[in-house]
Amino acid sequence: MATLDELLKQKDELDKKIEAARSAERAKSILEVVAMCERYGIKYADLKPHMTKQRAKRGSKAAASSSAV
């Protein structure tokens, strides 16, 4: 059975491999998105509404319920 130190070393090595794979896949995904945007003429302004959280407008239900407390 492996010792705690050995297992922690293995975990560190796996964490490094995971981060390297995540970074490589992220870079590849970005290139794919850029290529699709160029192919279909998609601009940042087209994507922005789909990438940001919608905020509650002033005077909405959220504001009304917090003032009722």
N, C-alpha and C. Protein backbone atom coordinates (compact mmCIF):
# COMPACT_ATOMS: atom_id res chain seq x y z
N MET A 1 0.84 -1.19 0.00
CA MET A 1 0.00 0.00 0.00
C MET A 1 0.88 1.24 0.00
N ALA A 2 0.46 2.25 -0.76
CA ALA A 2 1.24 3.48 -0.89
C ALA A 2 1.15 4.32 0.38
N THR A 3 2.23 5.03 0.65
CA THR A 3 2.23 5.92 1.80
C THR A 3 1.54 7.22 1.44
N LEU A 4 1.22 7.98 2.45
CA LEU A 4 0.57 9.28 2.24
C LEU A 4 1.42 10.18 1.35
N ASP A 5 2.72 10.22 1.60
CA ASP A 5 3.60 11.06 0.78
C ASP A 5 3.60 10.64 -0.68
N GLU A 6 3.60 9.33 -0.92
CA GLU A 6 3.56 8.83 -2.29
C GLU A 6 2.26 9.22 -2.98
N LEU A 7 1.16 9.07 -2.25
CA LEU A 7 -0.14 9.42 -2.83
C LEU A 7 -0.24 10.92 -3.12
N LEU A 8 0.28 11.73 -2.21
CA LEU A 8 0.25 13.18 -2.43
C LEU A 8 1.10 13.56 -3.64
N LYS A 9 2.23 12.89 -3.81
CA LYS A 9 3.07 13.13 -4.98
C LYS A 9 2.33 12.77 -6.26
N GLN A 10 1.63 11.62 -6.25
CA GLN A 10 0.85 11.20 -7.41
C GLN A 10 -0.26 12.22 -7.70
N LYS A 11 -0.90 12.71 -6.64
CA LYS A 11 -1.96 13.70 -6.79
C LYS A 11 -1.43 14.98 -7.44
N ASP A 12 -0.27 15.42 -6.98
CA ASP A 12 0.34 16.62 -7.56
C ASP A 12 0.65 16.41 -9.05
N GLU A 13 1.17 15.24 -9.38
CA GLU A 13 1.46 14.94 -10.78
C GLU A 13 0.19 14.91 -11.62
N LEU A 14 -0.86 14.31 -11.08
CA LEU A 14 -2.14 14.28 -11.80
C LEU A 14 -2.73 15.68 -11.95
N ASP A 15 -2.62 16.50 -10.90
CA ASP A 15 -3.11 17.88 -10.98
C ASP A 15 -2.41 18.65 -12.10
N LYS A 16 -1.11 18.44 -12.23
CA LYS A 16 -0.36 19.10 -13.30
C LYS A 16 -0.81 18.62 -14.67
N LYS A 17 -1.03 17.30 -14.80
CA LYS A 17 -1.49 16.75 -16.07
C LYS A 17 -2.89 17.24 -16.41
N ILE A 18 -3.74 17.32 -15.40
CA ILE A 18 -5.10 17.81 -15.61
C ILE A 18 -5.07 19.25 -16.09
N GLU A 19 -4.28 20.08 -15.46
CA GLU A 19 -4.19 21.48 -15.84
C GLU A 19 -3.64 21.64 -17.26
N ALA A 20 -2.65 20.84 -17.61
CA ALA A 20 -2.07 20.90 -18.96
C ALA A 20 -3.12 20.49 -20.00
N ALA A 21 -3.87 19.43 -19.72
CA ALA A 21 -4.92 18.99 -20.64
C ALA A 21 -6.02 20.04 -20.76
N ARG A 22 -6.43 20.62 -19.63
CA ARG A 22 -7.46 21.65 -19.64
C ARG A 22 -7.02 22.86 -20.46
N SER A 23 -5.78 23.26 -20.29
CA SER A 23 -5.25 24.40 -21.01
C SER A 23 -5.20 24.13 -22.52
N ALA A 24 -4.76 22.94 -22.89
CA ALA A 24 -4.67 22.58 -24.32
C ALA A 24 -6.06 22.52 -24.95
N GLU A 25 -7.00 21.89 -24.25
CA GLU A 25 -8.36 21.79 -24.79
C GLU A 25 -9.04 23.15 -24.87
N ARG A 26 -8.75 24.01 -23.90
CA ARG A 26 -9.31 25.37 -23.92
C ARG A 26 -8.79 26.14 -25.13
N ALA A 27 -7.50 26.05 -25.37
CA ALA A 27 -6.90 26.75 -26.51
C ALA A 27 -7.49 26.23 -27.83
N LYS A 28 -7.66 24.92 -27.93
CA LYS A 28 -8.25 24.33 -29.13
C LYS A 28 -9.69 24.79 -29.31
N SER A 29 -10.44 24.83 -28.22
CA SER A 29 -11.84 25.27 -28.28
C SER A 29 -11.96 26.73 -28.72
N ILE A 30 -11.07 27.56 -28.23
CA ILE A 30 -11.09 28.98 -28.61
C ILE A 30 -10.85 29.12 -30.11
N LEU A 31 -9.89 28.35 -30.63
CA LEU A 31 -9.63 28.40 -32.07
C LEU A 31 -10.85 27.95 -32.88
N GLU A 32 -11.54 26.93 -32.39
CA GLU A 32 -12.74 26.45 -33.07
C GLU A 32 -13.84 27.51 -33.06
N VAL A 33 -14.01 28.17 -31.93
CA VAL A 33 -15.04 29.21 -31.82
C VAL A 33 -14.71 30.37 -32.77
N VAL A 34 -13.46 30.78 -32.80
CA VAL A 34 -13.04 31.87 -33.68
C VAL A 34 -13.29 31.49 -35.14
N ALA A 35 -12.95 30.25 -35.50
CA ALA A 35 -13.16 29.80 -36.88
C ALA A 35 -14.65 29.81 -37.24
N MET A 36 -15.50 29.35 -36.32
CA MET A 36 -16.94 29.36 -36.60
C MET A 36 -17.48 30.79 -36.72
N CYS A 37 -16.99 31.67 -35.86
CA CYS A 37 -17.42 33.07 -35.93
C CYS A 37 -17.05 33.68 -37.28
N GLU A 38 -15.85 33.41 -37.73
CA GLU A 38 -15.42 33.93 -39.03
C GLU A 38 -16.25 33.32 -40.15
N ARG A 39 -16.50 32.04 -40.07
CA ARG A 39 -17.25 31.34 -41.12
C ARG A 39 -18.68 31.87 -41.25
N TYR A 40 -19.33 32.13 -40.12
CA TYR A 40 -20.72 32.54 -40.14
C TYR A 40 -20.93 34.04 -39.93
N GLY A 41 -19.85 34.79 -39.85
CA GLY A 41 -19.96 36.24 -39.70
C GLY A 41 -20.51 36.67 -38.35
N ILE A 42 -20.21 35.90 -37.33
CA ILE A 42 -20.69 36.23 -35.99
C ILE A 42 -19.73 37.21 -35.34
N LYS A 43 -20.28 38.27 -34.79
CA LYS A 43 -19.48 39.30 -34.13
C LYS A 43 -19.63 39.17 -32.61
N TYR A 44 -18.75 39.85 -31.88
CA TYR A 44 -18.82 39.85 -30.42
C TYR A 44 -20.17 40.36 -29.94
N ALA A 45 -20.68 41.38 -30.60
CA ALA A 45 -21.98 41.94 -30.20
C ALA A 45 -23.10 40.90 -30.31
N ASP A 46 -22.95 39.95 -31.23
CA ASP A 46 -23.94 38.88 -31.37
C ASP A 46 -23.86 37.90 -30.20
N LEU A 47 -22.66 37.70 -29.70
CA LEU A 47 -22.45 36.72 -28.63
C LEU A 47 -22.67 37.29 -27.23
N LYS A 48 -22.40 38.56 -27.05
CA LYS A 48 -22.42 39.15 -25.71
C LYS A 48 -23.71 38.90 -24.95
N PRO A 49 -24.88 39.06 -25.54
CA PRO A 49 -26.11 38.82 -24.77
C PRO A 49 -26.23 37.38 -24.25
N HIS A 50 -25.56 36.46 -24.90
CA HIS A 50 -25.64 35.06 -24.49
C HIS A 50 -24.56 34.69 -23.49
N MET A 51 -23.62 35.59 -23.25
CA MET A 51 -22.49 35.28 -22.40
C MET A 51 -22.53 35.99 -21.05
N THR A 52 -23.46 36.91 -20.87
CA THR A 52 -23.52 37.66 -19.63
C THR A 52 -24.80 37.32 -18.89
N LYS A 53 -24.74 37.43 -17.58
CA LYS A 53 -25.92 37.18 -16.77
C LYS A 53 -26.87 38.36 -16.89
N GLN A 54 -28.14 38.06 -16.93
CA GLN A 54 -29.14 39.13 -16.97
C GLN A 54 -29.29 39.67 -15.55
N ARG A 55 -29.24 40.97 -15.42
CA ARG A 55 -29.39 41.60 -14.11
C ARG A 55 -30.84 42.04 -13.94
N ALA A 56 -31.28 41.98 -12.71
CA ALA A 56 -32.64 42.43 -12.42
C ALA A 56 -32.69 43.95 -12.58
N LYS A 57 -33.74 44.41 -13.21
CA LYS A 57 -33.90 45.85 -13.39
C LYS A 57 -34.36 46.49 -12.09
N ARG A 58 -34.07 47.74 -11.92
CA ARG A 58 -34.52 48.46 -10.73
C ARG A 58 -36.03 48.45 -10.70
N GLY A 59 -36.54 48.23 -9.50
CA GLY A 59 -37.98 48.21 -9.35
C GLY A 59 -38.59 46.87 -9.66
N SER A 60 -37.75 45.84 -9.86
CA SER A 60 -38.26 44.51 -10.18
C SER A 60 -38.73 43.82 -8.91
N LYS A 61 -39.17 42.59 -9.04
CA LYS A 61 -39.66 41.82 -7.90
C LYS A 61 -38.60 41.66 -6.83
N ALA A 62 -37.35 41.48 -7.21
CA ALA A 62 -36.27 41.30 -6.25
C ALA A 62 -36.13 42.53 -5.36
N ALA A 63 -36.21 43.70 -5.95
CA ALA A 63 -36.10 44.93 -5.19
C ALA A 63 -37.32 45.11 -4.30
N ALA A 64 -38.48 44.74 -4.79
CA ALA A 64 -39.71 44.88 -4.05
C ALA A 64 -39.72 43.94 -2.84
N SER A 65 -39.25 42.71 -3.01
CA SER A 65 -39.27 41.77 -1.90
C SER A 65 -38.25 42.13 -0.84
N SER A 66 -37.12 42.71 -1.22
CA SER A 66 -36.12 43.09 -0.22
C SER A 66 -36.56 44.30 0.58
N SER A 67 -37.37 45.16 -0.01
CA SER A 67 -37.84 46.33 0.73
C SER A 67 -39.01 45.99 1.62
N ALA A 68 -39.64 44.82 1.42
CA ALA A 68 -40.78 44.41 2.21
C ALA A 68 -40.33 43.82 3.55
N VAL A 69 -39.03 43.53 3.69
CA VAL A 69 -38.52 42.89 4.91
C VAL A 69 -38.43 43.84 6.02
